[in-house]
């Protein structure tokens, strides 16, 4: 474990993949234990696609498709620290259960600056988030049903919501 390098005066509001409010949520319609991480694992706090087998979830769409993601991968403490020298992990190992949410308010890290009301886009390579005006084309990404609910710089933690489209 590395030596502590930062001290915050306030606790963090959340971590990527955490619920950001008590608003209603909805999960992808699958049976109990039906969704599991695909080969290579699944990243928490990113978007996920159910693969062609109808069971595994990856942070990229099935080969040859560019559809919108099936949901957002929630942080329900299923990521595991698999290396002795790692401090933390947001990766769900292959075959472990995945909670895939289609609606709700979540904390996420955006690769671009975010302003309330912008649409959230998912990269088709790794499910990472970027933001832009709704209807805009973002290279290598598809628009999701989520919108930005709080402002932040690139790399900051922001709220995303499927309920709040205009702030």
Protein backbone atom coordinates (compact mmCIF):
# COMPACT_ATOMS: atom_id res chain seq x y z
CA UNK A 1 0.00 0.00 0.00
CA UNK A 2 1.33 3.43 -0.94
CA UNK A 3 1.93 6.19 1.59
CA UNK A 4 -0.94 8.65 2.02
CA UNK A 5 -0.45 11.62 -0.31
CA UNK A 6 -3.66 13.60 0.13
CA UNK A 7 -5.88 14.87 2.93
CA UNK A 8 -9.42 16.10 2.26
CA UNK A 9 -11.27 18.51 4.51
CA UNK A 10 -14.61 16.96 3.53
CA UNK A 11 -15.47 13.35 2.73
CA UNK A 12 -16.01 12.45 -0.92
CA UNK A 13 -19.68 12.61 -1.97
CA UNK A 14 -19.43 9.13 -3.46
CA UNK A 15 -17.44 6.82 -5.69
CA UNK A 16 -17.97 5.99 -9.37
CA UNK A 17 -21.00 3.72 -9.62
CA UNK A 18 -22.59 4.79 -6.30
CA UNK A 19 -26.20 5.94 -6.07
CA UNK A 20 -26.32 9.76 -6.09
CA UNK A 21 -29.86 10.14 -4.72
CA UNK A 22 -32.84 8.28 -3.35
CA UNK A 23 -34.77 8.66 -6.61
CA UNK A 24 -36.27 5.47 -8.04
CA UNK A 25 -33.97 3.08 -9.88
CA UNK A 26 -34.56 0.34 -12.42
CA UNK A 27 -32.40 -2.62 -13.36
CA UNK A 28 -31.98 -4.45 -16.64
CA UNK A 29 -34.71 -7.14 -16.84
CA UNK A 30 -32.85 -10.37 -16.13
CA UNK A 31 -33.38 -13.19 -13.70
CA UNK A 32 -31.64 -13.42 -10.36
CA UNK A 33 -27.92 -13.95 -10.90
CA UNK A 34 -28.45 -13.90 -14.66
CA UNK A 35 -25.95 -11.16 -15.49
CA UNK A 36 -22.25 -11.83 -14.97
CA UNK A 37 -19.06 -10.07 -15.99
CA UNK A 38 -17.76 -11.07 -19.42
CA UNK A 39 -14.24 -12.29 -20.19
CA UNK A 40 -11.74 -9.74 -18.93
CA UNK A 41 -14.13 -8.44 -16.27
CA UNK A 42 -16.45 -5.46 -16.17
CA UNK A 43 -15.63 -1.96 -14.93
CA UNK A 44 -17.84 -0.42 -12.24
CA UNK A 45 -19.00 3.15 -12.83
CA UNK A 46 -19.06 2.72 -16.62
CA UNK A 47 -21.72 1.67 -19.09
CA UNK A 48 -22.30 -1.99 -19.92
CA UNK A 49 -23.75 -3.99 -22.77
CA UNK A 50 -25.35 -7.42 -22.44
CA UNK A 51 -23.53 -9.63 -24.94
CA UNK A 52 -25.12 -11.95 -27.52
CA UNK A 53 -25.24 -14.85 -25.03
CA UNK A 54 -27.82 -12.83 -23.05
CA UNK A 55 -25.87 -13.41 -19.83
CA UNK A 56 -22.46 -11.73 -19.86
CA UNK A 57 -21.95 -7.98 -19.49
CA UNK A 58 -18.98 -6.15 -21.01
CA UNK A 59 -18.02 -2.48 -21.18
CA UNK A 60 -18.23 -2.61 -24.98
CA UNK A 61 -21.02 -3.68 -27.34
CA UNK A 62 -20.96 -7.05 -29.03
CA UNK A 63 -18.66 -7.15 -32.02
CA UNK A 64 -20.07 -5.36 -35.04
CA UNK A 65 -22.76 -3.39 -33.19
CA UNK A 66 -22.93 0.22 -32.04
CA UNK A 67 -26.15 0.20 -30.05
CA UNK A 68 -26.73 2.27 -26.94
CA UNK A 69 -25.60 0.54 -23.73
CA UNK A 70 -28.05 -1.64 -21.85
CA UNK A 71 -27.29 0.10 -18.57
CA UNK A 72 -24.87 1.58 -16.06
CA UNK A 73 -22.71 -0.75 -13.93
CA UNK A 74 -23.52 -0.01 -10.27
CA UNK A 75 -21.00 -0.27 -7.44
CA UNK A 76 -22.49 -2.89 -5.16
CA UNK A 77 -19.15 -3.95 -3.67
CA UNK A 78 -18.64 -6.79 -6.14
CA UNK A 79 -15.26 -5.53 -7.41
CA UNK A 80 -12.32 -7.45 -6.00
CA UNK A 81 -8.72 -6.52 -5.34
CA UNK A 82 -6.99 -9.40 -7.07
CA UNK A 83 -3.38 -8.28 -6.78
CA UNK A 84 -1.63 -8.17 -3.43
CA UNK A 85 -0.10 -4.77 -4.24
CA UNK A 86 -3.25 -3.00 -5.49
CA UNK A 87 -4.97 -0.53 -3.18
CA UNK A 88 -8.39 -0.64 -4.80
CA UNK A 89 -10.28 -1.97 -7.79
CA UNK A 90 -13.40 -1.09 -9.74
CA UNK A 91 -13.31 -4.29 -11.79
CA UNK A 92 -15.80 -7.11 -11.40
CA UNK A 93 -13.96 -10.36 -12.26
CA UNK A 94 -15.21 -12.60 -15.06
CA UNK A 95 -18.21 -14.68 -14.04
CA UNK A 96 -19.11 -12.58 -10.99
CA UNK A 97 -22.59 -10.95 -10.75
CA UNK A 98 -23.14 -7.54 -12.34
CA UNK A 99 -25.83 -5.02 -11.31
CA UNK A 100 -26.84 -3.24 -14.51
CA UNK A 101 -29.13 -0.24 -13.98
CA UNK A 102 -31.26 1.26 -16.76
CA UNK A 103 -32.50 4.22 -14.70
CA UNK A 104 -31.51 6.20 -11.63
CA UNK A 105 -29.08 8.82 -10.38
CA UNK A 106 -25.42 7.80 -10.08
CA UNK A 107 -21.95 9.19 -9.45
CA UNK A 108 -19.60 8.77 -12.40
CA UNK A 109 -16.30 10.13 -13.71
CA UNK A 110 -16.50 11.92 -17.05
CA UNK A 111 -13.61 12.15 -19.51
CA UNK A 112 -14.85 15.61 -20.54
CA UNK A 113 -16.00 18.72 -18.69
CA UNK A 114 -19.64 18.32 -17.68
CA UNK A 115 -22.44 20.87 -17.37
CA UNK A 116 -25.96 20.18 -16.07
CA UNK A 117 -28.37 19.28 -18.86
CA UNK A 118 -25.75 17.81 -21.21
CA UNK A 119 -26.30 14.31 -22.56
CA UNK A 120 -24.06 11.47 -21.40
CA UNK A 121 -22.26 9.41 -24.04
CA UNK A 122 -20.70 5.95 -23.60
CA UNK A 123 -17.46 5.02 -25.36
CA UNK A 124 -17.95 1.87 -27.42
CA UNK A 125 -14.45 0.66 -26.50
CA UNK A 126 -14.61 0.70 -22.69
CA UNK A 127 -17.96 2.17 -21.57
CA UNK A 128 -16.34 5.32 -20.19
CA UNK A 129 -18.41 8.51 -20.02
CA UNK A 130 -18.15 11.74 -21.94
CA UNK A 131 -20.62 14.61 -22.20
CA UNK A 132 -21.94 16.86 -24.97
CA UNK A 133 -25.14 18.51 -26.11
CA UNK A 134 -27.97 16.06 -26.78
CA UNK A 135 -28.11 14.98 -30.41
CA UNK A 136 -24.42 15.74 -30.96
CA UNK A 137 -22.18 13.13 -32.53
CA UNK A 138 -19.27 12.10 -30.31
CA UNK A 139 -16.56 10.09 -32.06
CA UNK A 140 -16.33 6.52 -30.75
CA UNK A 141 -19.32 6.93 -28.45
CA UNK A 142 -23.11 6.54 -28.41
CA UNK A 143 -25.66 8.67 -26.59
CA UNK A 144 -27.24 7.09 -23.51
CA UNK A 145 -30.53 7.82 -21.76
CA UNK A 146 -28.63 9.62 -18.99
CA UNK A 147 -28.01 13.36 -18.58
CA UNK A 148 -25.54 15.36 -16.48
CA UNK A 149 -27.02 16.55 -13.17
CA UNK A 150 -23.98 18.31 -11.65
CA UNK A 151 -21.06 20.28 -13.08
CA UNK A 152 -17.46 19.08 -13.08
CA UNK A 153 -14.16 19.30 -14.91
CA UNK A 154 -12.79 16.40 -16.96
CA UNK A 155 -11.86 13.59 -14.58
CA UNK A 156 -14.12 14.88 -11.78
CA UNK A 157 -16.93 12.97 -10.14
CA UNK A 158 -20.31 14.17 -11.46
CA UNK A 159 -23.93 13.13 -11.00
CA UNK A 160 -25.66 11.53 -13.95
CA UNK A 161 -29.40 10.98 -14.06
CA UNK A 162 -31.98 9.28 -16.22
CA UNK A 163 -34.70 11.36 -14.54
CA UNK A 164 -33.37 14.91 -14.73
CA UNK A 165 -33.02 16.03 -18.38
CA UNK A 166 -33.00 19.76 -17.83
CA UNK A 167 -31.65 21.51 -14.81
